Amino acid sequence: MKVSVLGPNGINDATFHVHAEGCRDISRYGRIERPWSFDAESVQHATEVLYSDFIGSDETAHDGTYTTWEDYVNEVRFFPCVDLK
């Protein structure tokens, strides 16, 4: 599904807001920023795209364990218009 992402946006409830592309709710953000869009296959895939610079990198490793998408999914708010599993 094609999704549109706002963020990182400084909105307190999540680092990224993910909507279906073309969702009318995007316009309610006003001048915060322009959304960017991509094809997402799942919640995991979308999170991996959004955090690709951090997942599994040495700078985010803790005690020799590398981060995964699951470490970042709580930083992403998927709105009801997004139908991903």
Protein backbone atom coordinates (compact mmCIF):
# COMPACT_ATOMS: atom_id res chain seq x y z
CA MET A 1 0.00 0.00 0.00
CA LYS A 2 1.18 3.50 -0.73
CA VAL A 3 1.68 5.48 2.48
CA SER A 4 2.50 9.12 3.19
CA VAL A 5 4.72 9.97 6.12
CA LEU A 6 4.97 13.14 8.15
CA GLY A 7 8.07 13.36 10.24
CA PRO A 8 10.10 13.55 12.07
CA ASN A 9 7.60 16.20 12.87
CA GLY A 10 7.85 17.36 16.46
CA ILE A 11 4.32 16.21 17.24
CA ASN A 12 4.39 14.81 20.75
CA ASP A 13 2.66 11.46 20.28
CA ALA A 14 5.12 9.91 17.78
CA THR A 15 8.20 10.68 15.74
CA PHE A 16 6.48 9.72 12.48
CA HIS A 17 2.81 9.85 11.46
CA VAL A 18 1.86 7.41 8.71
CA HIS A 19 -1.30 7.87 6.62
CA ALA A 20 -2.61 6.30 3.45
CA GLU A 21 -1.43 8.36 0.50
CA GLY A 22 -4.02 11.01 -0.29
CA CYS A 23 -5.65 10.88 3.16
CA ARG A 24 -7.46 14.14 3.89
CA ASP A 25 -6.17 14.15 7.48
CA ILE A 26 -2.70 15.08 6.19
CA SER A 27 -3.92 18.58 5.39
CA ARG A 28 -4.83 19.20 9.05
CA TYR A 29 -1.14 19.37 9.89
CA GLY A 30 -0.97 22.65 8.01
CA ARG A 31 2.50 23.98 7.48
CA ILE A 32 4.41 21.40 9.52
CA GLU A 33 5.96 19.84 6.46
CA ARG A 34 5.35 18.14 3.19
CA PRO A 35 4.70 14.37 3.44
CA TRP A 36 6.85 11.83 1.63
CA SER A 37 5.39 8.66 0.15
CA PHE A 38 6.52 5.10 -0.50
CA ASP A 39 5.08 1.63 -1.01
CA ALA A 40 4.90 -0.27 2.27
CA GLU A 41 4.29 -4.00 2.49
CA SER A 42 3.74 -4.22 6.26
CA VAL A 43 4.18 -2.36 9.54
CA GLN A 44 7.59 -3.99 9.81
CA HIS A 45 8.60 -2.86 6.32
CA ALA A 46 7.42 0.72 6.91
CA THR A 47 9.29 0.91 10.22
CA GLU A 48 12.44 -0.48 8.61
CA VAL A 49 12.25 2.17 5.88
CA LEU A 50 11.77 4.96 8.41
CA TYR A 51 14.59 3.82 10.69
CA SER A 52 16.97 2.27 8.17
CA ASP A 53 19.82 4.51 9.36
CA PHE A 54 19.55 3.21 12.92
CA ILE A 55 18.42 -0.43 12.80
CA GLY A 56 21.30 -2.83 13.26
CA SER A 57 23.93 -0.10 13.36
CA ASP A 58 26.87 -0.01 15.72
CA GLU A 59 25.75 3.32 17.15
CA THR A 60 22.45 1.83 18.36
CA ALA A 61 23.82 -1.50 19.63
CA HIS A 62 23.38 -2.21 23.34
CA ASP A 63 25.58 -4.75 25.10
CA GLY A 64 26.49 -6.36 21.78
CA THR A 65 22.86 -6.69 20.69
CA TYR A 66 21.77 -4.80 17.61
CA THR A 67 18.44 -3.00 17.37
CA THR A 68 15.59 -4.31 15.21
CA TRP A 69 12.47 -2.73 13.76
CA GLU A 70 10.61 -3.73 16.93
CA ASP A 71 12.72 -1.30 18.93
CA TYR A 72 11.33 1.60 16.86
CA VAL A 73 7.74 0.66 15.99
CA ASN A 74 6.43 2.52 19.06
CA GLU A 75 7.88 5.73 17.60
CA VAL A 76 5.56 5.44 14.59
CA ARG A 77 1.84 6.23 14.68
CA PHE A 78 -0.09 4.34 12.02
CA PHE A 79 -3.46 6.00 11.44
CA PRO A 80 -6.67 4.00 10.76
CA CYS A 81 -6.48 4.83 7.05
CA VAL A 82 -3.38 2.59 6.84
CA ASP A 83 -4.23 -1.06 6.25
CA LEU A 84 -0.96 -2.83 7.06
CA LYS A 85 -0.36 -5.91 9.16
